[in-house]
Amino acid sequence: PFGLVAVAWVWVLRSYLLALPFQMWFLRRAAGIQPRDSLSAIAQPLAASMIMGVVVWGLMAIARPYFTAPLAAVLICVAAGIFVYAIAIYAVSAQVRQLIDTRLRRFKSKMRGR
C-alpha cells in the first residue's frame, strides 16, 4: 500500500539503524577497528550520496511532467545522479581530489611522452 519509495526508505533505515551498529561491533571484535574509524570511512561517500539523492529526487519531480515515457525521465535522472555524485565526492573528499589529481598528472605526462 505504500509503494516502492516506502520500501526503499525502510531498507535504508534498516541498513543504518540495525546493520551498521552490528557491523561496527563485529569489526571491533574481529579486527580491532574502532566505530569512529568505521564511521569516518563512510562519512564522505554518505554525504555525497545524500547530496546526489536530494538533487535526483528534485529533478525527477521537475522532469516527470515533461515526459510521457517515465523511462526517459529516469534515464536523465540517472545520468544527472552520476554527474552530481562525481562533483559531490570530489568536493567533500580530499582523498578523491588527490587521487584524481595524481591520475591526471600521470596521464598528462604520458601524453607528452608520445
Protein backbone atom coordinates (compact mmCIF):
# COMPACT_ATOMS: atom_id res chain seq x y z
CA PRO A 1 0.00 0.00 0.00
CA PHE A 2 2.94 2.41 0.46
CA GLY A 3 4.82 1.77 -2.78
CA LEU A 4 8.37 1.31 -3.84
CA VAL A 5 9.61 4.57 -2.29
CA ALA A 6 8.46 3.43 1.16
CA VAL A 7 10.22 0.09 0.68
CA ALA A 8 13.43 1.93 -0.28
CA TRP A 9 13.22 4.17 2.81
CA VAL A 10 12.65 1.19 5.09
CA TRP A 11 15.63 -0.60 3.53
CA VAL A 12 17.89 2.42 4.09
CA LEU A 13 16.71 2.90 7.66
CA ARG A 14 17.19 -0.79 8.37
CA SER A 15 20.70 -0.63 7.00
CA TYR A 16 21.76 2.31 9.14
CA LEU A 17 19.79 1.58 12.31
CA LEU A 18 20.20 -2.20 12.53
CA ALA A 19 23.02 -3.42 10.29
CA LEU A 20 25.57 -0.63 10.78
CA PRO A 21 25.81 -0.98 14.60
CA PHE A 22 26.19 -4.75 14.24
CA GLN A 23 28.87 -4.33 11.57
CA MET A 24 30.78 -1.84 13.73
CA TRP A 25 30.60 -4.19 16.73
CA PHE A 26 31.78 -7.11 14.60
CA LEU A 27 34.66 -5.11 13.07
CA ARG A 28 35.77 -4.02 16.53
CA ARG A 29 35.58 -7.54 17.90
CA ALA A 30 37.14 -9.35 14.92
CA ALA A 31 39.67 -6.83 13.65
CA GLY A 32 40.05 -4.18 16.35
CA ILE A 33 38.62 -1.44 14.11
CA GLN A 34 37.03 1.27 16.23
CA PRO A 35 33.50 2.51 15.43
CA ARG A 36 34.91 6.02 14.96
CA ASP A 37 37.16 4.70 12.17
CA SER A 38 34.26 2.84 10.53
CA LEU A 39 32.08 5.95 10.56
CA SER A 40 34.83 8.19 9.23
CA ALA A 41 35.32 5.76 6.32
CA ILE A 42 31.69 6.11 5.20
CA ALA A 43 31.09 9.77 6.07
CA GLN A 44 32.26 11.33 2.81
CA PRO A 45 30.59 8.85 0.43
CA LEU A 46 27.43 9.11 2.53
CA ALA A 47 27.46 12.91 2.30
CA ALA A 48 27.99 12.79 -1.48
CA SER A 49 25.21 10.20 -1.82
CA MET A 50 22.80 12.34 0.18
CA ILE A 51 23.57 15.37 -2.00
CA MET A 52 23.02 13.26 -5.11
CA GLY A 53 19.77 11.84 -3.72
CA VAL A 54 18.32 15.27 -2.98
CA VAL A 55 19.25 16.56 -6.44
CA VAL A 56 17.89 13.48 -8.25
CA TRP A 57 14.69 13.50 -6.19
CA GLY A 58 14.08 17.15 -7.02
CA LEU A 59 14.99 16.71 -10.67
CA MET A 60 12.62 13.77 -11.00
CA ALA A 61 9.79 15.82 -9.52
CA ILE A 62 10.51 18.59 -12.02
CA ALA A 63 11.19 16.37 -15.06
CA ARG A 64 8.40 13.80 -14.72
CA PRO A 65 5.58 16.00 -16.10
CA TYR A 66 7.57 16.75 -19.26
CA PHE A 67 7.90 13.11 -20.35
CA THR A 68 5.20 10.73 -21.47
CA ALA A 69 7.60 7.80 -21.14
CA PRO A 70 8.73 7.51 -17.50
CA LEU A 71 11.88 5.67 -18.58
CA ALA A 72 13.19 8.80 -20.30
CA ALA A 73 12.91 10.81 -17.08
CA VAL A 74 14.58 8.01 -15.12
CA LEU A 75 17.49 7.81 -17.57
CA ILE A 76 18.01 11.56 -17.41
CA CYS A 77 17.94 11.45 -13.62
CA VAL A 78 20.41 8.55 -13.54
CA ALA A 79 22.81 10.47 -15.77
CA ALA A 80 22.39 13.57 -13.62
CA GLY A 81 22.95 11.48 -10.49
CA ILE A 82 26.25 10.14 -11.83
CA PHE A 83 27.41 13.67 -12.63
CA VAL A 84 26.25 15.12 -9.29
CA TYR A 85 27.86 12.31 -7.28
CA ALA A 86 31.17 12.79 -9.09
CA ILE A 87 31.13 16.51 -8.34
CA ALA A 88 29.98 15.99 -4.75
CA ILE A 89 32.55 13.32 -3.87
CA TYR A 90 35.26 15.49 -5.42
CA ALA A 91 34.04 18.42 -3.30
CA VAL A 92 33.84 16.59 0.03
CA SER A 93 36.81 14.20 -0.17
CA ALA A 94 40.41 15.35 -0.11
CA GLN A 95 41.44 11.75 -0.80
CA VAL A 96 39.40 11.65 -4.03
CA ARG A 97 40.79 15.03 -5.11
CA GLN A 98 44.34 13.81 -4.52
CA LEU A 99 43.69 10.57 -6.42
CA ILE A 100 42.19 12.39 -9.41
CA ASP A 101 44.95 15.00 -9.46
CA THR A 102 47.61 12.26 -9.37
CA ARG A 103 45.94 10.33 -12.19
CA LEU A 104 45.57 13.47 -14.29
CA ARG A 105 49.25 14.37 -13.83
CA ARG A 106 50.25 10.83 -14.78
CA PHE A 107 48.01 10.92 -17.85
CA LYS A 108 49.38 14.32 -18.94
CA SER A 109 52.97 13.14 -18.60
CA LYS A 110 52.21 10.02 -20.67
CA MET A 111 50.57 12.13 -23.35
CA ARG A 112 53.63 14.43 -23.51
CA GLY A 113 55.91 11.40 -23.83
CA ARG A 114 54.19 10.19 -27.02
